[in-house]
């Protein structure tokens, strides 16, 4: 896709829906995506207690739930074992530093190296996060980073090589398949592509969140 191109439409999940194999919802909390295995640091019985809608017991879709802190590397999955991964409003919380990751290792690269390890070749990753030009990105004091759509291209090896920064994570190689805007203001409805793209690049609050689709290349 063209760098900076954003599509405003119903979220396109066709690539993940076509995947066969294990699908995981990373940091699922109480909003587990149907058809996915939930992964979260919170014990399942605690999730049940804190969620009124569960009515005292875990819903059937939580069968197979994996309790694991996603900052604890490695994750309890084999190499190349996951066909599709989904994560909503988690990556903006990844810390820059963790004592177990070693000095000088930014958490972004540690986390995506581990995601890359467990994903199969051709696997699909879908991520939702606040857009860096949205006030929403700054509201939550536990957000540690503000993610622009250009950030995602740094997960692509060819892009890093072209910029001379492949040392960030030499083995990681994700291809950006699609980036979509979520909750774009109605003031942009009916505007030309040039106007919309200008707003996304230079104005604040042109959209709340981004939906990012990545493909794993191994």
C-alpha atoms as a PDB file:
ATOM      1  CA  UNK A   1       0.000   0.000   0.000  1.00  0.00           C
ATOM      2  CA  UNK A   2       1.049   3.634  -0.449  1.00  0.00           C
ATOM      3  CA  UNK A   3       2.690   5.161   2.606  1.00  0.00           C
ATOM      4  CA  UNK A   4       0.191   7.314   4.463  1.00  0.00           C
ATOM      5  CA  UNK A   5      -2.833   5.919   2.659  1.00  0.00           C
ATOM      6  CA  UNK A   6      -5.773   5.379   4.993  1.00  0.00           C
ATOM      7  CA  UNK A   7      -9.063   3.816   4.055  1.00  0.00           C
ATOM      8  CA  UNK A   8     -12.301   4.966   5.711  1.00  0.00           C
ATOM      9  CA  UNK A   9     -14.744   2.061   5.592  1.00  0.00           C
ATOM     10  CA  UNK A  10     -16.039  -0.882   7.558  1.00  0.00           C
ATOM     11  CA  UNK A  11     -12.997  -2.589   9.050  1.00  0.00           C
ATOM     12  CA  UNK A  12     -11.603  -5.063   6.542  1.00  0.00           C
ATOM     13  CA  UNK A  13     -10.887  -8.299   8.432  1.00  0.00           C
ATOM     14  CA  UNK A  14     -10.944 -10.520   5.333  1.00  0.00           C
ATOM     15  CA  UNK A  15      -7.278 -11.473   5.558  1.00  0.00           C
ATOM     16  CA  UNK A  16      -7.512 -12.729   9.138  1.00  0.00           C
ATOM     17  CA  UNK A  17     -10.815 -14.480   8.448  1.00  0.00           C
ATOM     18  CA  UNK A  18      -9.125 -16.461   5.668  1.00  0.00           C
ATOM     19  CA  UNK A  19      -6.449 -17.775   8.035  1.00  0.00           C
ATOM     20  CA  UNK A  20      -6.668 -21.381   9.223  1.00  0.00           C
ATOM     21  CA  UNK A  21      -5.066 -22.320  12.502  1.00  0.00           C
ATOM     22  CA  UNK A  22      -4.583 -20.809  15.931  1.00  0.00           C
ATOM     23  CA  UNK A  23      -5.897 -17.279  16.418  1.00  0.00           C
ATOM     24  CA  UNK A  24      -5.048 -15.309  19.555  1.00  0.00           C
ATOM     25  CA  UNK A  25      -6.420 -12.105  21.059  1.00  0.00           C
ATOM     26  CA  UNK A  26      -3.474 -10.524  22.857  1.00  0.00           C
ATOM     27  CA  UNK A  27      -4.404  -8.599  26.016  1.00  0.00           C
ATOM     28  CA  UNK A  28      -8.053  -9.528  25.465  1.00  0.00           C
ATOM     29  CA  UNK A  29      -9.308  -8.542  28.910  1.00  0.00           C
ATOM     30  CA  UNK A  30     -13.094  -8.872  29.071  1.00  0.00           C
ATOM     31  CA  UNK A  31     -13.592  -8.173  25.351  1.00  0.00           C
ATOM     32  CA  UNK A  32     -12.393 -11.403  23.777  1.00  0.00           C
ATOM     33  CA  UNK A  33     -12.786 -11.451  20.013  1.00  0.00           C
ATOM     34  CA  UNK A  34     -15.070 -14.336  18.940  1.00  0.00           C
ATOM     35  CA  UNK A  35     -13.177 -17.291  17.513  1.00  0.00           C
ATOM     36  CA  UNK A  36      -9.903 -16.281  19.157  1.00  0.00           C
ATOM     37  CA  UNK A  37      -8.008 -17.699  22.145  1.00  0.00           C
ATOM     38  CA  UNK A  38      -7.684 -15.062  24.838  1.00  0.00           C
ATOM     39  CA  UNK A  39      -4.312 -14.112  26.301  1.00  0.00           C
ATOM     40  CA  UNK A  40      -4.015 -11.746  29.245  1.00  0.00           C
ATOM     41  CA  UNK A  41      -2.086 -11.307  32.469  1.00  0.00           C
ATOM     42  CA  UNK A  42      -5.253 -11.308  34.605  1.00  0.00           C
ATOM     43  CA  UNK A  43      -6.258 -14.704  36.078  1.00  0.00           C
ATOM     44  CA  UNK A  44      -9.494 -15.951  34.556  1.00  0.00           C
ATOM     45  CA  UNK A  45     -11.284 -16.214  37.895  1.00  0.00           C
ATOM     46  CA  UNK A  46     -10.415 -12.558  38.552  1.00  0.00           C
ATOM     47  CA  UNK A  47     -11.778 -11.583  35.139  1.00  0.00           C
ATOM     48  CA  UNK A  48     -15.011 -13.336  36.076  1.00  0.00           C
ATOM     49  CA  UNK A  49     -15.233 -11.510  39.412  1.00  0.00           C
ATOM     50  CA  UNK A  50     -14.617  -8.091  37.861  1.00  0.00           C
ATOM     51  CA  UNK A  51     -17.061  -8.501  34.968  1.00  0.00           C
ATOM     52  CA  UNK A  52     -20.727  -8.215  35.895  1.00  0.00           C
ATOM     53  CA  UNK A  53     -21.820  -9.449  32.485  1.00  0.00           C
ATOM     54  CA  UNK A  54     -20.105 -12.810  33.054  1.00  0.00           C
ATOM     55  CA  UNK A  55     -22.655 -13.568  35.817  1.00  0.00           C
ATOM     56  CA  UNK A  56     -20.212 -15.510  37.969  1.00  0.00           C
ATOM     57  CA  UNK A  57     -18.688 -17.792  35.346  1.00  0.00           C
ATOM     58  CA  UNK A  58     -16.466 -17.500  32.309  1.00  0.00           C
ATOM     59  CA  UNK A  59     -18.299 -17.529  28.970  1.00  0.00           C
ATOM     60  CA  UNK A  60     -17.699 -20.608  26.773  1.00  0.00           C
ATOM     61  CA  UNK A  61     -15.511 -18.603  24.397  1.00  0.00           C
ATOM     62  CA  UNK A  62     -12.950 -18.228  27.180  1.00  0.00           C
ATOM     63  CA  UNK A  63     -12.184 -21.951  27.009  1.00  0.00           C
ATOM     64  CA  UNK A  64      -8.462 -22.265  26.325  1.00  0.00           C
ATOM     65  CA  UNK A  65      -7.732 -18.872  27.901  1.00  0.00           C
ATOM     66  CA  UNK A  66      -3.992 -18.341  28.432  1.00  0.00           C
ATOM     67  CA  UNK A  67      -2.939 -16.348  31.469  1.00  0.00           C
ATOM     68  CA  UNK A  68       0.377 -14.722  30.618  1.00  0.00           C
ATOM     69  CA  UNK A  69       2.005 -11.335  31.045  1.00  0.00           C
ATOM     70  CA  UNK A  70       2.875 -10.214  27.507  1.00  0.00           C
ATOM     71  CA  UNK A  71       5.904  -8.360  28.858  1.00  0.00           C
ATOM     72  CA  UNK A  72       7.247 -11.704  30.079  1.00  0.00           C
ATOM     73  CA  UNK A  73       9.340 -13.006  27.180  1.00  0.00           C
ATOM     74  CA  UNK A  74       9.127 -15.682  25.804  1.00  0.00           C
ATOM     75  CA  UNK A  75       5.391 -16.229  25.440  1.00  0.00           C
ATOM     76  CA  UNK A  76       3.987 -19.754  25.928  1.00  0.00           C
ATOM     77  CA  UNK A  77       3.650 -20.445  22.204  1.00  0.00           C
ATOM     78  CA  UNK A  78       5.887 -22.419  19.859  1.00  0.00           C
ATOM     79  CA  UNK A  79       7.744 -20.810  16.972  1.00  0.00           C
ATOM     80  CA  UNK A  80       5.522 -20.117  13.945  1.00  0.00           C
ATOM     81  CA  UNK A  81       2.452 -21.552  15.690  1.00  0.00           C
ATOM     82  CA  UNK A  82      -0.073 -18.715  15.324  1.00  0.00           C
ATOM     83  CA  UNK A  83      -2.023 -18.005  12.135  1.00  0.00           C
ATOM     84  CA  UNK A  84      -3.735 -14.781  13.204  1.00  0.00           C
ATOM     85  CA  UNK A  85      -3.241 -12.357  16.080  1.00  0.00           C
ATOM     86  CA  UNK A  86      -5.382  -9.447  17.203  1.00  0.00           C
ATOM     87  CA  UNK A  87      -4.771  -6.779  19.811  1.00  0.00           C
ATOM     88  CA  UNK A  88      -6.897  -3.764  20.660  1.00  0.00           C
ATOM     89  CA  UNK A  89      -5.567  -0.811  22.633  1.00  0.00           C
ATOM     90  CA  UNK A  90      -2.520  -2.537  24.035  1.00  0.00           C
ATOM     91  CA  UNK A  91       0.525  -1.564  21.966  1.00  0.00           C
ATOM     92  CA  UNK A  92       0.334   2.071  23.107  1.00  0.00           C
ATOM     93  CA  UNK A  93       1.057   0.746  26.626  1.00  0.00           C
ATOM     94  CA  UNK A  94       4.255  -1.167  25.742  1.00  0.00           C
ATOM     95  CA  UNK A  95       6.961   0.286  27.996  1.00  0.00           C
ATOM     96  CA  UNK A  96      10.195   1.597  26.566  1.00  0.00           C
ATOM     97  CA  UNK A  97      12.156  -0.184  29.301  1.00  0.00           C
ATOM     98  CA  UNK A  98      11.736  -3.371  31.271  1.00  0.00           C
ATOM     99  CA  UNK A  99      14.414  -4.756  33.627  1.00  0.00           C
ATOM    100  CA  UNK A 100      14.217  -8.200  32.008  1.00  0.00           C
ATOM    101  CA  UNK A 101      14.803  -6.892  28.485  1.00  0.00           C
ATOM    102  CA  UNK A 102      18.313  -5.549  28.930  1.00  0.00           C
ATOM    103  CA  UNK A 103      19.734  -2.066  28.754  1.00  0.00           C
ATOM    104  CA  UNK A 104      19.180  -0.165  25.556  1.00  0.00           C
ATOM    105  CA  UNK A 105      16.375  -2.422  24.264  1.00  0.00           C
ATOM    106  CA  UNK A 106      13.235  -0.459  23.538  1.00  0.00           C
ATOM    107  CA  UNK A 107      10.129  -2.468  24.382  1.00  0.00           C
ATOM    108  CA  UNK A 108       8.565  -1.909  20.954  1.00  0.00           C
ATOM    109  CA  UNK A 109      11.212  -4.049  19.299  1.00  0.00           C
ATOM    110  CA  UNK A 110      11.312  -6.664  22.057  1.00  0.00           C
ATOM    111  CA  UNK A 111       7.544  -7.114  21.846  1.00  0.00           C
ATOM    112  CA  UNK A 112       7.371  -7.306  18.068  1.00  0.00           C
ATOM    113  CA  UNK A 113      10.345  -9.648  17.885  1.00  0.00           C
ATOM    114  CA  UNK A 114       8.409 -12.028  20.103  1.00  0.00           C
ATOM    115  CA  UNK A 115       5.227 -11.588  18.081  1.00  0.00           C
ATOM    116  CA  UNK A 116       7.217 -12.302  14.927  1.00  0.00           C
ATOM    117  CA  UNK A 117       8.662 -15.456  16.489  1.00  0.00           C
ATOM    118  CA  UNK A 118       5.296 -17.007  17.294  1.00  0.00           C
ATOM    119  CA  UNK A 119       3.557 -16.026  14.039  1.00  0.00           C
ATOM    120  CA  UNK A 120       3.615 -18.375  11.068  1.00  0.00           C
ATOM    121  CA  UNK A 121       4.854 -17.257   7.668  1.00  0.00           C
ATOM    122  CA  UNK A 122       1.996 -15.434   5.968  1.00  0.00           C
ATOM    123  CA  UNK A 123       0.195 -14.959   9.291  1.00  0.00           C
ATOM    124  CA  UNK A 124      -1.993 -11.906   9.772  1.00  0.00           C
ATOM    125  CA  UNK A 125      -1.796  -9.430  12.647  1.00  0.00           C
ATOM    126  CA  UNK A 126      -4.541  -6.861  13.308  1.00  0.00           C
ATOM    127  CA  UNK A 127      -3.971  -4.033  15.766  1.00  0.00           C
ATOM    128  CA  UNK A 128      -6.136  -1.135  16.935  1.00  0.00           C
ATOM    129  CA  UNK A 129      -4.562   1.856  18.675  1.00  0.00           C
ATOM    130  CA  UNK A 130      -5.118   5.597  19.156  1.00  0.00           C
ATOM    131  CA  UNK A 131      -3.747   7.723  16.310  1.00  0.00           C
ATOM    132  CA  UNK A 132      -0.849   9.919  17.428  1.00  0.00           C
ATOM    133  CA  UNK A 133      -2.641  13.054  16.166  1.00  0.00           C
ATOM    134  CA  UNK A 134      -5.718  12.310  18.248  1.00  0.00           C
ATOM    135  CA  UNK A 135      -6.331  13.764  21.705  1.00  0.00           C
ATOM    136  CA  UNK A 136      -7.404  10.235  22.610  1.00  0.00           C
ATOM    137  CA  UNK A 137      -3.752   9.164  22.425  1.00  0.00           C
ATOM    138  CA  UNK A 138      -2.920  11.507  25.314  1.00  0.00           C
ATOM    139  CA  UNK A 139      -5.886  11.066  27.646  1.00  0.00           C
ATOM    140  CA  UNK A 140      -4.758   7.867  29.348  1.00  0.00           C
ATOM    141  CA  UNK A 141      -1.739   8.532  31.586  1.00  0.00           C
ATOM    142  CA  UNK A 142      -0.611   4.913  31.181  1.00  0.00           C
ATOM    143  CA  UNK A 143       0.026   5.370  27.448  1.00  0.00           C
ATOM    144  CA  UNK A 144       3.774   5.237  26.883  1.00  0.00           C
ATOM    145  CA  UNK A 145       3.979   5.982  23.151  1.00  0.00           C
ATOM    146  CA  UNK A 146       2.109   7.862  20.448  1.00  0.00           C
ATOM    147  CA  UNK A 147       1.906   5.847  17.256  1.00  0.00           C
ATOM    148  CA  UNK A 148       1.691   7.429  13.812  1.00  0.00           C
ATOM    149  CA  UNK A 149       0.711   5.399  10.756  1.00  0.00           C
ATOM    150  CA  UNK A 150       4.276   5.813   9.474  1.00  0.00           C
ATOM    151  CA  UNK A 151       5.521   3.947  12.554  1.00  0.00           C
ATOM    152  CA  UNK A 152       4.163   0.662  11.217  1.00  0.00           C
ATOM    153  CA  UNK A 153       6.436   0.705   8.189  1.00  0.00           C
ATOM    154  CA  UNK A 154       9.433   0.409  10.513  1.00  0.00           C
ATOM    155  CA  UNK A 155       8.374  -3.201  11.123  1.00  0.00           C
ATOM    156  CA  UNK A 156       9.190  -3.928   7.465  1.00  0.00           C
ATOM    157  CA  UNK A 157      12.782  -5.038   6.842  1.00  0.00           C
ATOM    158  CA  UNK A 158      13.079  -3.385   3.405  1.00  0.00           C
ATOM    159  CA  UNK A 159      11.858  -0.085   4.841  1.00  0.00           C
ATOM    160  CA  UNK A 160      14.428  -0.237   7.659  1.00  0.00           C
ATOM    161  CA  UNK A 161      17.208  -1.141   5.221  1.00  0.00           C
ATOM    162  CA  UNK A 162      16.309   1.825   3.035  1.00  0.00           C
ATOM    163  CA  UNK A 163      16.500   4.111   6.077  1.00  0.00           C
ATOM    164  CA  UNK A 164      19.696   2.529   7.397  1.00  0.00           C
ATOM    165  CA  UNK A 165      18.060   1.432  10.667  1.00  0.00           C
ATOM    166  CA  UNK A 166      17.745  -2.328  10.246  1.00  0.00           C
ATOM    167  CA  UNK A 167      19.771  -2.736  13.438  1.00  0.00           C
ATOM    168  CA  UNK A 168      16.545  -1.934  15.319  1.00  0.00           C
ATOM    169  CA  UNK A 169      15.323  -5.513  14.768  1.00  0.00           C
ATOM    170  CA  UNK A 170      17.192  -7.237  11.915  1.00  0.00           C
ATOM    171  CA  UNK A 171      15.010 -10.357  11.742  1.00  0.00           C
ATOM    172  CA  UNK A 172      11.573  -8.775  12.047  1.00  0.00           C
ATOM    173  CA  UNK A 173       9.675  -8.434   8.778  1.00  0.00           C
ATOM    174  CA  UNK A 174       6.008  -7.442   8.667  1.00  0.00           C
ATOM    175  CA  UNK A 175       4.338  -6.102   5.537  1.00  0.00           C
ATOM    176  CA  UNK A 176       1.766  -3.351   6.023  1.00  0.00           C
ATOM    177  CA  UNK A 177      -1.333  -4.597   4.194  1.00  0.00           C
ATOM    178  CA  UNK A 178      -3.852  -1.952   5.208  1.00  0.00           C
ATOM    179  CA  UNK A 179      -4.394   0.937   7.602  1.00  0.00           C
ATOM    180  CA  UNK A 180      -7.900   2.210   8.239  1.00  0.00           C
ATOM    181  CA  UNK A 181      -9.193   5.191  10.153  1.00  0.00           C
ATOM    182  CA  UNK A 182     -11.769   4.644  12.899  1.00  0.00           C
ATOM    183  CA  UNK A 183     -14.233   7.351  14.005  1.00  0.00           C
ATOM    184  CA  UNK A 184     -13.282   9.984  11.477  1.00  0.00           C
ATOM    185  CA  UNK A 185     -15.135  13.299  12.094  1.00  0.00           C
ATOM    186  CA  UNK A 186     -18.188  13.935   9.953  1.00  0.00           C
ATOM    187  CA  UNK A 187     -16.629  17.222   8.810  1.00  0.00           C
ATOM    188  CA  UNK A 188     -14.471  15.133   6.456  1.00  0.00           C
ATOM    189  CA  UNK A 189     -17.442  13.329   4.911  1.00  0.00           C
ATOM    190  CA  UNK A 190     -17.676  13.974   1.195  1.00  0.00           C
ATOM    191  CA  UNK A 191     -14.337  15.795   1.053  1.00  0.00           C
ATOM    192  CA  UNK A 192     -11.833  15.007  -1.683  1.00  0.00           C
ATOM    193  CA  UNK A 193      -8.995  12.538  -1.041  1.00  0.00           C
ATOM    194  CA  UNK A 194      -6.524  15.431  -1.123  1.00  0.00           C
ATOM    195  CA  UNK A 195      -8.403  17.305   1.612  1.00  0.00           C
ATOM    196  CA  UNK A 196      -8.769  14.201   3.784  1.00  0.00           C
ATOM    197  CA  UNK A 197      -5.116  13.216   3.427  1.00  0.00           C
ATOM    198  CA  UNK A 198      -4.019  16.790   4.200  1.00  0.00           C
ATOM    199  CA  UNK A 199      -6.130  16.749   7.371  1.00  0.00           C
ATOM    200  CA  UNK A 200      -4.641  13.425   8.461  1.00  0.00           C
ATOM    201  CA  UNK A 201      -1.104  14.724   8.004  1.00  0.00           C
ATOM    202  CA  UNK A 202      -1.344  18.234   9.417  1.00  0.00           C
ATOM    203  CA  UNK A 203      -4.402  18.584  11.687  1.00  0.00           C
ATOM    204  CA  UNK A 204      -5.139  17.204  15.124  1.00  0.00           C
ATOM    205  CA  UNK A 205      -8.091  14.848  15.653  1.00  0.00           C
ATOM    206  CA  UNK A 206      -8.626  13.805  12.017  1.00  0.00           C
ATOM    207  CA  UNK A 207      -9.483  10.356  13.405  1.00  0.00           C
ATOM    208  CA  UNK A 208      -9.585   8.664  16.817  1.00  0.00           C
ATOM    209  CA  UNK A 209      -7.979   5.288  16.177  1.00  0.00           C
ATOM    210  CA  UNK A 210      -6.179   3.293  13.503  1.00  0.00           C
ATOM    211  CA  UNK A 211      -6.840  -0.294  12.479  1.00  0.00           C
ATOM    212  CA  UNK A 212      -3.614  -1.815  11.173  1.00  0.00           C
ATOM    213  CA  UNK A 213      -3.269  -5.075   9.237  1.00  0.00           C
ATOM    214  CA  UNK A 214       0.176  -6.671   8.967  1.00  0.00           C
ATOM    215  CA  UNK A 215       1.358  -9.773   7.121  1.00  0.00           C
ATOM    216  CA  UNK A 216       4.268 -11.858   8.418  1.00  0.00           C
ATOM    217  CA  UNK A 217       7.142 -12.531   6.013  1.00  0.00           C
ATOM    218  CA  UNK A 218       9.605 -15.270   6.971  1.00  0.00           C
END
